[in-house]
Amino acid sequence: MSRRGKRQHDMELLSDINITNLVDVTMTLLIVFIMIAPMIEQGIDVTLPAAEPKRIDVGEVMTVAVAENGRVYLEGQRVSIDELKERLTDIHTARPDVPVMIKADQGLTYGRVVEVLDTVRGVGISRLALATRPN
């Protein structure tokens, strides 16, 4: 009888699951993701000027962004003005009706925005839009 009672007692002690380690690992991962999430940058940070919104109905729009520091990005990849002209020429040759949206930061000088506009129009692209944020 005493042997049977001892086995029963041992089984009760083994039936408890210790999840402290699992909680520790989970909390550590959560803290790592919370710290890393803000560092993952999606797109280019551009503060758009305000204007009355007007929706455009286009399928695939090429995006040219000009950041506050004057750097130019085509579809999220940094390019120089010469590279922008070259790549847009290739795109326009493949798809003559391609629409282009220009996102320029409101803090930019007028000349930089005109330079990018002139480059896009100089390639032969006539379907242009300037991105703004609604009032």
C-alpha atoms as a PDB file:
ATOM      1  CA  MET A   1       0.000   0.000   0.000  1.00  0.00           C
ATOM      2  CA  SER A   2       2.744   2.431   0.885  1.00  0.00           C
ATOM      3  CA  ARG A   3       4.354   1.867  -2.481  1.00  0.00           C
ATOM      4  CA  ARG A   4       1.152   2.638  -4.304  1.00  0.00           C
ATOM      5  CA  GLY A   5       0.686   5.891  -2.333  1.00  0.00           C
ATOM      6  CA  LYS A   6       4.207   7.042  -3.155  1.00  0.00           C
ATOM      7  CA  ARG A   7       3.681   6.589  -6.902  1.00  0.00           C
ATOM      8  CA  GLN A   8       0.472   8.524  -6.754  1.00  0.00           C
ATOM      9  CA  HIS A   9       2.229  11.382  -4.957  1.00  0.00           C
ATOM     10  CA  ASP A  10       5.057  11.456  -7.568  1.00  0.00           C
ATOM     11  CA  MET A  11       2.562  11.574 -10.419  1.00  0.00           C
ATOM     12  CA  GLU A  12       0.804  14.566  -8.918  1.00  0.00           C
ATOM     13  CA  LEU A  13       4.042  16.531  -8.774  1.00  0.00           C
ATOM     14  CA  LEU A  14       4.806  15.786 -12.438  1.00  0.00           C
ATOM     15  CA  SER A  15       1.362  16.777 -13.627  1.00  0.00           C
ATOM     16  CA  ASP A  16       2.032  20.515 -13.105  1.00  0.00           C
ATOM     17  CA  ILE A  17       3.469  22.336 -16.125  1.00  0.00           C
ATOM     18  CA  ASN A  18       5.952  25.100 -15.463  1.00  0.00           C
ATOM     19  CA  ILE A  19       5.436  27.807 -18.099  1.00  0.00           C
ATOM     20  CA  THR A  20       7.748  30.402 -16.572  1.00  0.00           C
ATOM     21  CA  ASN A  21      10.418  29.840 -19.228  1.00  0.00           C
ATOM     22  CA  LEU A  22       7.840  30.098 -22.030  1.00  0.00           C
ATOM     23  CA  VAL A  23       6.568  33.401 -20.653  1.00  0.00           C
ATOM     24  CA  ASP A  24      10.136  34.711 -20.346  1.00  0.00           C
ATOM     25  CA  VAL A  25      10.931  33.879 -23.960  1.00  0.00           C
ATOM     26  CA  THR A  26       7.645  35.345 -25.184  1.00  0.00           C
ATOM     27  CA  MET A  27       8.163  38.592 -23.285  1.00  0.00           C
ATOM     28  CA  THR A  28      11.731  38.882 -24.574  1.00  0.00           C
ATOM     29  CA  LEU A  29      10.543  38.456 -28.173  1.00  0.00           C
ATOM     30  CA  LEU A  30       7.772  40.994 -27.634  1.00  0.00           C
ATOM     31  CA  ILE A  31      10.241  43.548 -26.302  1.00  0.00           C
ATOM     32  CA  VAL A  32      12.590  42.946 -29.250  1.00  0.00           C
ATOM     33  CA  PHE A  33       9.767  43.448 -31.766  1.00  0.00           C
ATOM     34  CA  ILE A  34       8.544  46.584 -29.999  1.00  0.00           C
ATOM     35  CA  MET A  35      12.045  48.056 -30.164  1.00  0.00           C
ATOM     36  CA  ILE A  36      12.708  47.086 -33.787  1.00  0.00           C
ATOM     37  CA  ALA A  37       9.308  48.004 -35.279  1.00  0.00           C
ATOM     38  CA  PRO A  38       9.912  51.790 -35.377  1.00  0.00           C
ATOM     39  CA  MET A  39      13.269  51.232 -37.075  1.00  0.00           C
ATOM     40  CA  ILE A  40      11.687  49.469 -40.030  1.00  0.00           C
ATOM     41  CA  GLU A  41      11.019  52.258 -42.489  1.00  0.00           C
ATOM     42  CA  GLN A  42       8.311  51.918 -45.089  1.00  0.00           C
ATOM     43  CA  GLY A  43       8.731  54.329 -47.970  1.00  0.00           C
ATOM     44  CA  ILE A  44      10.122  57.847 -47.992  1.00  0.00           C
ATOM     45  CA  ASP A  45       9.093  60.398 -45.366  1.00  0.00           C
ATOM     46  CA  VAL A  46       7.507  63.214 -47.345  1.00  0.00           C
ATOM     47  CA  THR A  47       5.285  65.929 -45.856  1.00  0.00           C
ATOM     48  CA  LEU A  48       2.791  66.727 -48.599  1.00  0.00           C
ATOM     49  CA  PRO A  49       1.267  70.183 -49.023  1.00  0.00           C
ATOM     50  CA  ALA A  50      -2.474  70.547 -48.405  1.00  0.00           C
ATOM     51  CA  ALA A  51      -4.983  70.990 -51.244  1.00  0.00           C
ATOM     52  CA  GLU A  52      -8.534  70.091 -52.167  1.00  0.00           C
ATOM     53  CA  PRO A  53      -8.498  66.374 -52.978  1.00  0.00           C
ATOM     54  CA  LYS A  54      -9.383  65.063 -56.402  1.00  0.00           C
ATOM     55  CA  ARG A  55      -9.262  61.333 -57.031  1.00  0.00           C
ATOM     56  CA  ILE A  56      -7.590  60.058 -60.154  1.00  0.00           C
ATOM     57  CA  ASP A  57      -8.612  56.756 -61.654  1.00  0.00           C
ATOM     58  CA  VAL A  58      -5.470  55.090 -62.936  1.00  0.00           C
ATOM     59  CA  GLY A  59      -4.290  51.511 -62.878  1.00  0.00           C
ATOM     60  CA  GLU A  60      -0.572  51.414 -62.214  1.00  0.00           C
ATOM     61  CA  VAL A  61       0.968  54.712 -61.201  1.00  0.00           C
ATOM     62  CA  MET A  62       4.726  55.251 -61.119  1.00  0.00           C
ATOM     63  CA  THR A  63       5.702  57.251 -58.038  1.00  0.00           C
ATOM     64  CA  VAL A  64       8.486  59.817 -57.995  1.00  0.00           C
ATOM     65  CA  ALA A  65       9.150  61.167 -54.498  1.00  0.00           C
ATOM     66  CA  VAL A  66      11.283  64.166 -53.615  1.00  0.00           C
ATOM     67  CA  ALA A  67      12.276  64.209 -49.945  1.00  0.00           C
ATOM     68  CA  GLU A  68      12.810  67.319 -47.837  1.00  0.00           C
ATOM     69  CA  ASN A  69      16.583  67.060 -48.350  1.00  0.00           C
ATOM     70  CA  GLY A  70      16.076  67.159 -52.149  1.00  0.00           C
ATOM     71  CA  ARG A  71      16.828  63.485 -52.815  1.00  0.00           C
ATOM     72  CA  VAL A  72      14.778  61.912 -55.605  1.00  0.00           C
ATOM     73  CA  TYR A  73      13.264  58.420 -55.387  1.00  0.00           C
ATOM     74  CA  LEU A  74      11.641  56.399 -58.159  1.00  0.00           C
ATOM     75  CA  GLU A  75       9.373  53.704 -56.718  1.00  0.00           C
ATOM     76  CA  GLY A  76      11.250  53.905 -53.402  1.00  0.00           C
ATOM     77  CA  GLN A  77      14.766  53.643 -54.892  1.00  0.00           C
ATOM     78  CA  ARG A  78      17.059  56.646 -54.686  1.00  0.00           C
ATOM     79  CA  VAL A  79      18.092  57.979 -58.097  1.00  0.00           C
ATOM     80  CA  SER A  80      19.866  61.002 -59.494  1.00  0.00           C
ATOM     81  CA  ILE A  81      18.122  63.277 -62.012  1.00  0.00           C
ATOM     82  CA  ASP A  82      20.070  61.636 -64.867  1.00  0.00           C
ATOM     83  CA  GLU A  83      19.140  58.139 -63.646  1.00  0.00           C
ATOM     84  CA  LEU A  84      15.507  59.263 -63.275  1.00  0.00           C
ATOM     85  CA  LYS A  85      15.466  60.465 -66.874  1.00  0.00           C
ATOM     86  CA  GLU A  86      17.079  57.252 -68.124  1.00  0.00           C
ATOM     87  CA  ARG A  87      14.756  54.929 -66.209  1.00  0.00           C
ATOM     88  CA  LEU A  88      11.612  56.899 -67.092  1.00  0.00           C
ATOM     89  CA  THR A  89      12.654  56.833 -70.756  1.00  0.00           C
ATOM     90  CA  ASP A  90      12.851  53.026 -70.600  1.00  0.00           C
ATOM     91  CA  ILE A  91       9.495  52.820 -68.827  1.00  0.00           C
ATOM     92  CA  HIS A  92       7.850  55.259 -71.255  1.00  0.00           C
ATOM     93  CA  THR A  93       9.187  53.281 -74.216  1.00  0.00           C
ATOM     94  CA  ALA A  94       7.663  50.076 -72.841  1.00  0.00           C
ATOM     95  CA  ARG A  95       4.387  51.726 -71.728  1.00  0.00           C
ATOM     96  CA  PRO A  96       3.705  55.075 -73.435  1.00  0.00           C
ATOM     97  CA  ASP A  97       0.548  55.741 -71.388  1.00  0.00           C
ATOM     98  CA  VAL A  98       2.182  55.263 -67.967  1.00  0.00           C
ATOM     99  CA  PRO A  99       0.909  57.788 -65.395  1.00  0.00           C
ATOM    100  CA  VAL A 100       3.384  59.342 -62.951  1.00  0.00           C
ATOM    101  CA  MET A 101       2.598  60.764 -59.519  1.00  0.00           C
ATOM    102  CA  ILE A 102       5.067  63.188 -57.997  1.00  0.00           C
ATOM    103  CA  LYS A 103       5.207  63.395 -54.202  1.00  0.00           C
ATOM    104  CA  ALA A 104       7.237  66.425 -53.195  1.00  0.00           C
ATOM    105  CA  ASP A 105       7.805  67.577 -49.619  1.00  0.00           C
ATOM    106  CA  GLN A 106       6.231  70.949 -48.861  1.00  0.00           C
ATOM    107  CA  GLY A 107       9.532  72.240 -47.455  1.00  0.00           C
ATOM    108  CA  LEU A 108      11.316  71.954 -50.809  1.00  0.00           C
ATOM    109  CA  THR A 109      12.345  74.895 -52.898  1.00  0.00           C
ATOM    110  CA  TYR A 110      10.165  75.516 -55.910  1.00  0.00           C
ATOM    111  CA  GLY A 111      13.126  75.025 -58.247  1.00  0.00           C
ATOM    112  CA  ARG A 112      13.759  71.408 -57.184  1.00  0.00           C
ATOM    113  CA  VAL A 113      10.137  70.425 -57.810  1.00  0.00           C
ATOM    114  CA  VAL A 114      10.186  72.131 -61.221  1.00  0.00           C
ATOM    115  CA  GLU A 115      13.428  70.330 -62.077  1.00  0.00           C
ATOM    116  CA  VAL A 116      11.799  66.936 -61.371  1.00  0.00           C
ATOM    117  CA  LEU A 117       8.609  67.945 -63.238  1.00  0.00           C
ATOM    118  CA  ASP A 118      10.682  69.083 -66.215  1.00  0.00           C
ATOM    119  CA  THR A 119      12.621  65.793 -66.219  1.00  0.00           C
ATOM    120  CA  VAL A 120       9.404  63.735 -66.222  1.00  0.00           C
ATOM    121  CA  ARG A 121       7.770  65.835 -68.936  1.00  0.00           C
ATOM    122  CA  GLY A 122      11.007  65.886 -70.976  1.00  0.00           C
ATOM    123  CA  VAL A 123      10.814  62.096 -71.302  1.00  0.00           C
ATOM    124  CA  GLY A 124       7.422  62.475 -72.990  1.00  0.00           C
ATOM    125  CA  ILE A 125       5.178  61.474 -70.115  1.00  0.00           C
ATOM    126  CA  SER A 126       2.040  63.589 -70.226  1.00  0.00           C
ATOM    127  CA  ARG A 127      -0.076  61.887 -67.555  1.00  0.00           C
ATOM    128  CA  LEU A 128       1.196  63.611 -64.409  1.00  0.00           C
ATOM    129  CA  ALA A 129      -0.277  64.164 -60.967  1.00  0.00           C
ATOM    130  CA  LEU A 130       1.038  65.988 -57.930  1.00  0.00           C
ATOM    131  CA  ALA A 131       0.250  64.294 -54.622  1.00  0.00           C
ATOM    132  CA  THR A 132      -1.234  66.418 -51.842  1.00  0.00           C
ATOM    133  CA  ARG A 133      -2.853  65.724 -48.501  1.00  0.00           C
ATOM    134  CA  PRO A 134      -6.495  66.679 -47.968  1.00  0.00           C
ATOM    135  CA  ASN A 135      -7.296  69.848 -46.003  1.00  0.00           C
END
